[in-house]
């Protein structure tokens, strides 16, 4: 897969900021079909850092009601990437 197709967007939240500062872990929203190896290659090629670990999780979409109709939100996939000590990803540091 193309690295730009694998990484959808960075996830910025208080929890991800604490993890980034404490243990060099960065969170991304990724494509649903992306594997851990795809995420590793994409982060290493786009940001020029050495990745030590990748963890992925799928967040199931909620069922929502609008009147008497039900609809389901799409499932999303997230990846938490741990980089080598001393390495930083500039996208997160600039914000």
PDB file of N, CA and C in Angstrom:
ATOM      1  N   UNK A   1       0.832  -1.188   0.000  1.00  0.00           N
ATOM      2  CA  UNK A   1       0.000   0.000   0.000  1.00  0.00           C
ATOM      3  C   UNK A   1       0.880   1.257   0.000  1.00  0.00           C
ATOM      4  N   UNK A   2       0.366   2.300  -0.588  1.00  0.00           N
ATOM      5  CA  UNK A   2       1.023   3.595  -0.612  1.00  0.00           C
ATOM      6  C   UNK A   2       1.032   4.171   0.816  1.00  0.00           C
ATOM      7  N   UNK A   3       2.172   4.715   1.295  1.00  0.00           N
ATOM      8  CA  UNK A   3       2.214   5.251   2.662  1.00  0.00           C
ATOM      9  C   UNK A   3       1.173   6.335   2.929  1.00  0.00           C
ATOM     10  N   UNK A   4       0.818   7.098   1.906  1.00  0.00           N
ATOM     11  CA  UNK A   4      -0.190   8.142   2.087  1.00  0.00           C
ATOM     12  C   UNK A   4      -1.596   7.564   2.196  1.00  0.00           C
ATOM     13  N   UNK A   5      -1.804   6.350   1.721  1.00  0.00           N
ATOM     14  CA  UNK A   5      -3.097   5.683   1.867  1.00  0.00           C
ATOM     15  C   UNK A   5      -3.207   4.990   3.222  1.00  0.00           C
ATOM     16  N   UNK A   6      -2.082   4.578   3.790  1.00  0.00           N
ATOM     17  CA  UNK A   6      -2.081   3.854   5.064  1.00  0.00           C
ATOM     18  C   UNK A   6      -2.426   4.792   6.217  1.00  0.00           C
ATOM     19  N   UNK A   7      -1.706   5.906   6.327  1.00  0.00           N
ATOM     20  CA  UNK A   7      -1.931   6.853   7.417  1.00  0.00           C
ATOM     21  C   UNK A   7      -3.000   7.863   6.998  1.00  0.00           C
ATOM     22  N   UNK A   8      -4.138   7.826   7.659  1.00  0.00           N
ATOM     23  CA  UNK A   8      -5.235   8.730   7.329  1.00  0.00           C
ATOM     24  C   UNK A   8      -5.009  10.092   7.975  1.00  0.00           C
ATOM     25  N   UNK A   9      -4.771  10.109   9.297  1.00  0.00           N
ATOM     26  CA  UNK A   9      -4.505  11.365   9.994  1.00  0.00           C
ATOM     27  C   UNK A   9      -3.927  11.062  11.371  1.00  0.00           C
ATOM     28  N   UNK A  10      -3.196  12.029  11.948  1.00  0.00           N
ATOM     29  CA  UNK A  10      -2.715  11.856  13.320  1.00  0.00           C
ATOM     30  C   UNK A  10      -3.847  12.086  14.307  1.00  0.00           C
ATOM     31  N   UNK A  11      -3.800  11.368  15.415  1.00  0.00           N
ATOM     32  CA  UNK A  11      -4.809  11.548  16.458  1.00  0.00           C
ATOM     33  C   UNK A  11      -4.228  12.420  17.561  1.00  0.00           C
ATOM     34  N   UNK A  12      -4.874  13.532  17.819  1.00  0.00           N
ATOM     35  CA  UNK A  12      -4.409  14.484  18.823  1.00  0.00           C
ATOM     36  C   UNK A  12      -5.436  14.559  19.945  1.00  0.00           C
ATOM     37  N   UNK A  13      -5.036  14.109  21.113  1.00  0.00           N
ATOM     38  CA  UNK A  13      -5.891  14.178  22.290  1.00  0.00           C
ATOM     39  C   UNK A  13      -4.994  14.306  23.519  1.00  0.00           C
ATOM     40  N   UNK A  14      -5.590  14.547  24.658  1.00  0.00           N
ATOM     41  CA  UNK A  14      -4.805  14.657  25.886  1.00  0.00           C
ATOM     42  C   UNK A  14      -4.116  13.344  26.208  1.00  0.00           C
ATOM     43  N   UNK A  15      -4.820  12.257  26.013  1.00  0.00           N
ATOM     44  CA  UNK A  15      -4.239  10.945  26.304  1.00  0.00           C
ATOM     45  C   UNK A  15      -3.055  10.649  25.389  1.00  0.00           C
ATOM     46  N   UNK A  16      -3.205  10.943  24.095  1.00  0.00           N
ATOM     47  CA  UNK A  16      -2.103  10.677  23.169  1.00  0.00           C
ATOM     48  C   UNK A  16      -0.923  11.618  23.433  1.00  0.00           C
ATOM     49  N   UNK A  17      -1.185  12.854  23.892  1.00  0.00           N
ATOM     50  CA  UNK A  17      -0.101  13.777  24.244  1.00  0.00           C
ATOM     51  C   UNK A  17       0.706  13.256  25.426  1.00  0.00           C
ATOM     52  N   UNK A  18       0.029  12.728  26.428  1.00  0.00           N
ATOM     53  CA  UNK A  18       0.735  12.169  27.592  1.00  0.00           C
ATOM     54  C   UNK A  18       1.592  10.970  27.194  1.00  0.00           C
ATOM     55  N   UNK A  19       1.050  10.098  26.345  1.00  0.00           N
ATOM     56  CA  UNK A  19       1.811   8.928  25.890  1.00  0.00           C
ATOM     57  C   UNK A  19       3.020   9.348  25.055  1.00  0.00           C
ATOM     58  N   UNK A  20       2.842  10.372  24.249  1.00  0.00           N
ATOM     59  CA  UNK A  20       3.942  10.855  23.406  1.00  0.00           C
ATOM     60  C   UNK A  20       5.071  11.404  24.265  1.00  0.00           C
ATOM     61  N   UNK A  21       4.735  12.193  25.256  1.00  0.00           N
ATOM     62  CA  UNK A  21       5.747  12.800  26.117  1.00  0.00           C
ATOM     63  C   UNK A  21       6.405  11.769  27.024  1.00  0.00           C
ATOM     64  N   UNK A  22       5.626  10.816  27.517  1.00  0.00           N
ATOM     65  CA  UNK A  22       6.129   9.865  28.497  1.00  0.00           C
ATOM     66  C   UNK A  22       6.938   8.733  27.862  1.00  0.00           C
ATOM     67  N   UNK A  23       6.446   8.181  26.747  1.00  0.00           N
ATOM     68  CA  UNK A  23       7.089   6.970  26.233  1.00  0.00           C
ATOM     69  C   UNK A  23       7.218   6.913  24.719  1.00  0.00           C
ATOM     70  N   UNK A  24       7.277   8.065  24.043  1.00  0.00           N
ATOM     71  CA  UNK A  24       7.507   8.120  22.586  1.00  0.00           C
ATOM     72  C   UNK A  24       6.493   7.310  21.785  1.00  0.00           C
ATOM     73  N   UNK A  25       5.218   7.368  22.168  1.00  0.00           N
ATOM     74  CA  UNK A  25       4.162   6.666  21.445  1.00  0.00           C
ATOM     75  C   UNK A  25       3.307   7.687  20.705  1.00  0.00           C
ATOM     76  N   UNK A  26       3.105   7.442  19.419  1.00  0.00           N
ATOM     77  CA  UNK A  26       2.325   8.342  18.569  1.00  0.00           C
ATOM     78  C   UNK A  26       1.102   7.588  18.053  1.00  0.00           C
ATOM     79  N   UNK A  27      -0.046   8.270  18.002  1.00  0.00           N
ATOM     80  CA  UNK A  27      -1.302   7.642  17.580  1.00  0.00           C
ATOM     81  C   UNK A  27      -1.723   8.172  16.218  1.00  0.00           C
ATOM     82  N   UNK A  28      -2.187   7.249  15.365  1.00  0.00           N
ATOM     83  CA  UNK A  28      -2.652   7.595  14.032  1.00  0.00           C
ATOM     84  C   UNK A  28      -3.964   6.883  13.753  1.00  0.00           C
ATOM     85  N   UNK A  29      -4.801   7.510  12.946  1.00  0.00           N
ATOM     86  CA  UNK A  29      -5.950   6.828  12.358  1.00  0.00           C
ATOM     87  C   UNK A  29      -5.426   6.241  11.056  1.00  0.00           C
ATOM     88  N   UNK A  30      -5.657   4.946  10.829  1.00  0.00           N
ATOM     89  CA  UNK A  30      -5.105   4.275   9.656  1.00  0.00           C
ATOM     90  C   UNK A  30      -6.223   3.651   8.827  1.00  0.00           C
ATOM     91  N   UNK A  31      -5.866   3.230   7.626  1.00  0.00           N
ATOM     92  CA  UNK A  31      -6.829   2.581   6.735  1.00  0.00           C
ATOM     93  C   UNK A  31      -7.278   1.253   7.352  1.00  0.00           C
ATOM     94  N   UNK A  32      -8.536   0.882   7.173  1.00  0.00           N
ATOM     95  CA  UNK A  32      -9.042  -0.355   7.786  1.00  0.00           C
ATOM     96  C   UNK A  32      -8.314  -1.621   7.332  1.00  0.00           C
ATOM     97  N   UNK A  33      -7.772  -1.635   6.138  1.00  0.00           N
ATOM     98  CA  UNK A  33      -7.088  -2.834   5.643  1.00  0.00           C
ATOM     99  C   UNK A  33      -5.581  -2.808   5.874  1.00  0.00           C
ATOM    100  N   UNK A  34      -5.074  -1.784   6.529  1.00  0.00           N
ATOM    101  CA  UNK A  34      -3.637  -1.668   6.775  1.00  0.00           C
ATOM    102  C   UNK A  34      -3.200  -2.653   7.857  1.00  0.00           C
ATOM    103  N   UNK A  35      -2.058  -3.301   7.626  1.00  0.00           N
ATOM    104  CA  UNK A  35      -1.492  -4.221   8.601  1.00  0.00           C
ATOM    105  C   UNK A  35      -0.440  -3.491   9.430  1.00  0.00           C
ATOM    106  N   UNK A  36       0.062  -4.170  10.468  1.00  0.00           N
ATOM    107  CA  UNK A  36       1.101  -3.567  11.299  1.00  0.00           C
ATOM    108  C   UNK A  36       2.353  -3.285  10.474  1.00  0.00           C
ATOM    109  N   UNK A  37       2.683  -4.184   9.559  1.00  0.00           N
ATOM    110  CA  UNK A  37       3.861  -3.990   8.713  1.00  0.00           C
ATOM    111  C   UNK A  37       3.675  -2.787   7.790  1.00  0.00           C
ATOM    112  N   UNK A  38       2.461  -2.606   7.265  1.00  0.00           N
ATOM    113  CA  UNK A  38       2.171  -1.433   6.424  1.00  0.00           C
ATOM    114  C   UNK A  38       2.349  -0.141   7.209  1.00  0.00           C
ATOM    115  N   UNK A  39       1.850  -0.121   8.442  1.00  0.00           N
ATOM    116  CA  UNK A  39       1.949   1.071   9.278  1.00  0.00           C
ATOM    117  C   UNK A  39       3.415   1.361   9.593  1.00  0.00           C
ATOM    118  N   UNK A  40       4.180   0.332   9.926  1.00  0.00           N
ATOM    119  CA  UNK A  40       5.605   0.495  10.239  1.00  0.00           C
ATOM    120  C   UNK A  40       6.351   1.101   9.050  1.00  0.00           C
ATOM    121  N   UNK A  41       6.140   0.535   7.865  1.00  0.00           N
ATOM    122  CA  UNK A  41       6.824   1.031   6.672  1.00  0.00           C
ATOM    123  C   UNK A  41       6.415   2.463   6.346  1.00  0.00           C
ATOM    124  N   UNK A  42       5.133   2.783   6.504  1.00  0.00           N
ATOM    125  CA  UNK A  42       4.643   4.120   6.188  1.00  0.00           C
ATOM    126  C   UNK A  42       5.248   5.166   7.126  1.00  0.00           C
ATOM    127  N   UNK A  43       5.274   4.890   8.423  1.00  0.00           N
ATOM    128  CA  UNK A  43       5.818   5.847   9.383  1.00  0.00           C
ATOM    129  C   UNK A  43       7.317   6.014   9.168  1.00  0.00           C
ATOM    130  N   UNK A  44       8.026   4.914   8.953  1.00  0.00           N
ATOM    131  CA  UNK A  44       9.468   5.013   8.746  1.00  0.00           C
ATOM    132  C   UNK A  44       9.812   5.775   7.473  1.00  0.00           C
ATOM    133  N   UNK A  45       9.047   5.577   6.410  1.00  0.00           N
ATOM    134  CA  UNK A  45       9.371   6.251   5.156  1.00  0.00           C
ATOM    135  C   UNK A  45       8.943   7.717   5.143  1.00  0.00           C
ATOM    136  N   UNK A  46       7.807   8.046   5.760  1.00  0.00           N
ATOM    137  CA  UNK A  46       7.320   9.423   5.732  1.00  0.00           C
ATOM    138  C   UNK A  46       8.018  10.337   6.736  1.00  0.00           C
ATOM    139  N   UNK A  47       8.385   9.805   7.902  1.00  0.00           N
ATOM    140  CA  UNK A  47       8.914  10.651   8.964  1.00  0.00           C
ATOM    141  C   UNK A  47      10.383  10.402   9.286  1.00  0.00           C
ATOM    142  N   UNK A  48      11.023   9.457   8.619  1.00  0.00           N
ATOM    143  CA  UNK A  48      12.446   9.159   8.804  1.00  0.00           C
ATOM    144  C   UNK A  48      12.798   8.878  10.268  1.00  0.00           C
ATOM    145  N   UNK A  49      12.044   7.977  10.890  1.00  0.00           N
ATOM    146  CA  UNK A  49      12.315   7.549  12.262  1.00  0.00           C
ATOM    147  C   UNK A  49      12.368   6.026  12.294  1.00  0.00           C
ATOM    148  N   UNK A  50      12.942   5.473  13.345  1.00  0.00           N
ATOM    149  CA  UNK A  50      13.002   4.025  13.526  1.00  0.00           C
ATOM    150  C   UNK A  50      11.861   3.602  14.441  1.00  0.00           C
ATOM    151  N   UNK A  51      10.979   2.736  13.949  1.00  0.00           N
ATOM    152  CA  UNK A  51       9.825   2.261  14.710  1.00  0.00           C
ATOM    153  C   UNK A  51      10.221   0.999  15.470  1.00  0.00           C
ATOM    154  N   UNK A  52       9.913   0.968  16.773  1.00  0.00           N
ATOM    155  CA  UNK A  52      10.235  -0.210  17.579  1.00  0.00           C
ATOM    156  C   UNK A  52       9.028  -1.115  17.793  1.00  0.00           C
ATOM    157  N   UNK A  53       7.811  -0.547  17.813  1.00  0.00           N
ATOM    158  CA  UNK A  53       6.614  -1.364  18.028  1.00  0.00           C
ATOM    159  C   UNK A  53       5.397  -0.695  17.411  1.00  0.00           C
ATOM    160  N   UNK A  54       4.440  -1.536  16.986  1.00  0.00           N
ATOM    161  CA  UNK A  54       3.167  -1.050  16.450  1.00  0.00           C
ATOM    162  C   UNK A  54       2.045  -1.864  17.080  1.00  0.00           C
ATOM    163  N   UNK A  55       1.061  -1.161  17.618  1.00  0.00           N
ATOM    164  CA  UNK A  55      -0.138  -1.815  18.149  1.00  0.00           C
ATOM    165  C   UNK A  55      -1.330  -1.239  17.408  1.00  0.00           C
ATOM    166  N   UNK A  56      -2.260  -2.102  17.011  1.00  0.00           N
ATOM    167  CA  UNK A  56      -3.441  -1.640  16.292  1.00  0.00           C
ATOM    168  C   UNK A  56      -4.696  -2.044  17.053  1.00  0.00           C
ATOM    169  N   UNK A  57      -5.770  -1.273  16.839  1.00  0.00           N
ATOM    170  CA  UNK A  57      -7.054  -1.600  17.428  1.00  0.00           C
ATOM    171  C   UNK A  57      -8.154  -1.105  16.518  1.00  0.00           C
ATOM    172  N   UNK A  58      -9.275  -1.807  16.541  1.00  0.00           N
ATOM    173  CA  UNK A  58     -10.432  -1.436  15.740  1.00  0.00           C
ATOM    174  C   UNK A  58     -11.518  -0.944  16.684  1.00  0.00           C
ATOM    175  N   UNK A  59     -11.984   0.263  16.449  1.00  0.00           N
ATOM    176  CA  UNK A  59     -13.078   0.830  17.223  1.00  0.00           C
ATOM    177  C   UNK A  59     -14.364   0.586  16.450  1.00  0.00           C
ATOM    178  N   UNK A  60     -15.259  -0.145  17.028  1.00  0.00           N
ATOM    179  CA  UNK A  60     -16.514  -0.477  16.360  1.00  0.00           C
ATOM    180  C   UNK A  60     -17.428   0.744  16.307  1.00  0.00           C
ATOM    181  N   UNK A  61     -18.124   0.908  15.195  1.00  0.00           N
ATOM    182  CA  UNK A  61     -19.030   2.041  15.019  1.00  0.00           C
ATOM    183  C   UNK A  61     -20.273   1.901  15.878  1.00  0.00           C
ATOM    184  N   UNK A  62     -20.727   3.021  16.396  1.00  0.00           N
ATOM    185  CA  UNK A  62     -21.914   3.019  17.242  1.00  0.00           C
ATOM    186  C   UNK A  62     -23.175   2.954  16.394  1.00  0.00           C
ATOM    187  N   UNK A  63     -24.227   2.408  16.969  1.00  0.00           N
ATOM    188  CA  UNK A  63     -25.546   2.418  16.334  1.00  0.00           C
ATOM    189  C   UNK A  63     -26.271   3.656  16.839  1.00  0.00           C
ATOM    190  N   UNK A  64     -26.706   4.487  15.936  1.00  0.00           N
ATOM    191  CA  UNK A  64     -27.384   5.735  16.278  1.00  0.00           C
ATOM    192  C   UNK A  64     -28.816   5.703  15.754  1.00  0.00           C
ATOM    193  N   UNK A  65     -29.693   6.392  16.466  1.00  0.00           N
ATOM    194  CA  UNK A  65     -31.095   6.491  16.052  1.00  0.00           C
ATOM    195  C   UNK A  65     -31.417   7.928  15.702  1.00  0.00           C
ATOM    196  N   UNK A  66     -32.165   8.079  14.648  1.00  0.00           N
ATOM    197  CA  UNK A  66     -32.713   9.385  14.278  1.00  0.00           C
ATOM    198  C   UNK A  66     -34.182   9.141  13.984  1.00  0.00           C
ATOM    199  N   UNK A  67     -35.019   9.451  14.963  1.00  0.00           N
ATOM    200  CA  UNK A  67     -36.437   9.120  14.829  1.00  0.00           C
ATOM    201  C   UNK A  67     -36.608   7.619  14.978  1.00  0.00           C
ATOM    202  N   UNK A  68     -37.275   7.009  14.008  1.00  0.00           N
ATOM    203  CA  UNK A  68     -37.457   5.560  14.076  1.00  0.00           C
ATOM    204  C   UNK A  68     -36.471   4.824  13.173  1.00  0.00           C
ATOM    205  N   UNK A  69     -35.496   5.519  12.627  1.00  0.00           N
ATOM    206  CA  UNK A  69     -34.508   4.878  11.764  1.00  0.00           C
ATOM    207  C   UNK A  69     -33.193   4.695  12.515  1.00  0.00           C
ATOM    208  N   UNK A  70     -32.592   3.543  12.320  1.00  0.00           N
ATOM    209  CA  UNK A  70     -31.298   3.256  12.916  1.00  0.00           C
ATOM    210  C   UNK A  70     -30.233   3.267  11.836  1.00  0.00           C
ATOM    211  N   UNK A  71     -29.078   3.771  12.191  1.00  0.00           N
ATOM    212  CA  UNK A  71     -27.944   3.705  11.270  1.00  0.00           C
ATOM    213  C   UNK A  71     -26.705   3.413  12.094  1.00  0.00           C
ATOM    214  N   UNK A  72     -25.682   2.878  11.431  1.00  0.00           N
ATOM    215  CA  UNK A  72     -24.460   2.498  12.114  1.00  0.00           C
ATOM    216  C   UNK A  72     -23.311   3.324  11.564  1.00  0.00           C
ATOM    217  N   UNK A  73     -22.512   3.883  12.455  1.00  0.00           N
ATOM    218  CA  UNK A  73     -21.327   4.612  12.035  1.00  0.00           C
ATOM    219  C   UNK A  73     -20.265   3.611  11.578  1.00  0.00           C
ATOM    220  N   UNK A  74     -19.350   4.075  10.779  1.00  0.00           N
ATOM    221  CA  UNK A  74     -18.316   3.192  10.238  1.00  0.00           C
ATOM    222  C   UNK A  74     -17.316   2.797  11.329  1.00  0.00           C
ATOM    223  N   UNK A  75     -16.748   1.593  11.192  1.00  0.00           N
ATOM    224  CA  UNK A  75     -15.665   1.166  12.062  1.00  0.00           C
ATOM    225  C   UNK A  75     -14.408   1.949  11.690  1.00  0.00           C
ATOM    226  N   UNK A  76     -13.575   2.231  12.687  1.00  0.00           N
ATOM    227  CA  UNK A  76     -12.319   2.923  12.434  1.00  0.00           C
ATOM    228  C   UNK A  76     -11.173   2.103  13.010  1.00  0.00           C
ATOM    229  N   UNK A  77      -9.998   2.265  12.435  1.00  0.00           N
ATOM    230  CA  UNK A  77      -8.821   1.552  12.903  1.00  0.00           C
ATOM    231  C   UNK A  77      -7.781   2.566  13.349  1.00  0.00           C
ATOM    232  N   UNK A  78      -7.175   2.316  14.503  1.00  0.00           N
ATOM    233  CA  UNK A  78      -6.153   3.180  15.050  1.00  0.00           C
ATOM    234  C   UNK A  78      -4.867   2.391  15.204  1.00  0.00           C
ATOM    235  N   UNK A  79      -3.750   3.102  15.175  1.00  0.00           N
ATOM    236  CA  UNK A  79      -2.451   2.481  15.407  1.00  0.00           C
ATOM    237  C   UNK A  79      -1.681   3.341  16.392  1.00  0.00           C
ATOM    238  N   UNK A  80      -1.042   2.679  17.365  1.00  0.00           N
ATOM    239  CA  UNK A  80      -0.159   3.350  18.307  1.00  0.00           C
ATOM    240  C   UNK A  80       1.250   2.894  17.973  1.00  0.00           C
ATOM    241  N   UNK A  81       2.091   3.843  17.558  1.00  0.00           N
ATOM    242  CA  UNK A  81       3.435   3.545  17.075  1.00  0.00           C
ATOM    243  C   UNK A  81       4.445   4.024  18.100  1.00  0.00           C
ATOM    244  N   UNK A  82       5.337   3.132  18.517  1.00  0.00           N
ATOM    245  CA  UNK A  82       6.422   3.487  19.421  1.00  0.00           C
ATOM    246  C   UNK A  82       7.684   3.687  18.607  1.00  0.00           C
ATOM    247  N   UNK A  83       8.322   4.842  18.764  1.00  0.00           N
ATOM    248  CA  UNK A  83       9.552   5.132  18.030  1.00  0.00           C
ATOM    249  C   UNK A  83      10.743   5.041  18.979  1.00  0.00           C
ATOM    250  N   UNK A  84      11.936   4.953  18.385  1.00  0.00           N
ATOM    251  CA  UNK A  84      13.169   4.847  19.138  1.00  0.00           C
ATOM    252  C   UNK A  84      13.345   6.051  20.067  1.00  0.00           C
ATOM    253  N   UNK A  85      14.010   5.853  21.192  1.00  0.00           N
ATOM    254  CA  UNK A  85      14.260   6.951  22.124  1.00  0.00           C
ATOM    255  C   UNK A  85      15.089   8.028  21.438  1.00  0.00           C
ATOM    256  N   UNK A  86      14.704   9.277  21.639  1.00  0.00           N
ATOM    257  CA  UNK A  86      15.407  10.386  21.030  1.00  0.00           C
ATOM    258  C   UNK A  86      14.839  10.808  19.677  1.00  0.00           C
ATOM    259  N   UNK A  87      14.005   9.987  19.064  1.00  0.00           N
ATOM    260  CA  UNK A  87      13.376  10.315  17.772  1.00  0.00           C
ATOM    261  C   UNK A  87      12.057  11.030  18.039  1.00  0.00           C
ATOM    262  N   UNK A  88      11.717  11.925  17.125  1.00  0.00           N
ATOM    263  CA  UNK A  88      10.454  12.654  17.240  1.00  0.00           C
ATOM    264  C   UNK A  88       9.827  12.773  15.856  1.00  0.00           C
ATOM    265  N   UNK A  89       8.497  12.862  15.825  1.00  0.00           N
ATOM    266  CA  UNK A  89       7.753  13.072  14.592  1.00  0.00           C
ATOM    267  C   UNK A  89       7.299  14.522  14.606  1.00  0.00           C
ATOM    268  N   UNK A  90       7.714  15.272  13.610  1.00  0.00           N
ATOM    269  CA  UNK A  90       7.491  16.711  13.575  1.00  0.00           C
ATOM    270  C   UNK A  90       6.040  17.135  13.500  1.00  0.00           C
ATOM    271  N   UNK A  91       5.173  16.322  12.945  1.00  0.00           N
ATOM    272  CA  UNK A  91       3.758  16.677  12.808  1.00  0.00           C
ATOM    273  C   UNK A  91       3.144  16.921  14.196  1.00  0.00           C
ATOM    274  N   UNK A  92       3.501  16.105  15.165  1.00  0.00           N
ATOM    275  CA  UNK A  92       2.941  16.223  16.498  1.00  0.00           C
ATOM    276  C   UNK A  92       3.599  17.360  17.284  1.00  0.00           C
ATOM    277  N   UNK A  93       4.861  17.597  17.042  1.00  0.00           N
ATOM    278  CA  UNK A  93       5.590  18.615  17.789  1.00  0.00           C
ATOM    279  C   UNK A  93       5.165  20.024  17.388  1.00  0.00           C
ATOM    280  N   UNK A  94       4.754  20.211  16.121  1.00  0.00           N
ATOM    281  CA  UNK A  94       4.393  21.533  15.628  1.00  0.00           C
ATOM    282  C   UNK A  94       3.059  22.018  16.176  1.00  0.00           C
ATOM    283  N   UNK A  95       2.198  21.093  16.607  1.00  0.00           N
ATOM    284  CA  UNK A  95       0.856  21.490  17.059  1.00  0.00           C
ATOM    285  C   UNK A  95       0.807  21.738  18.523  1.00  0.00           C
TER     286      UNK A  95
END
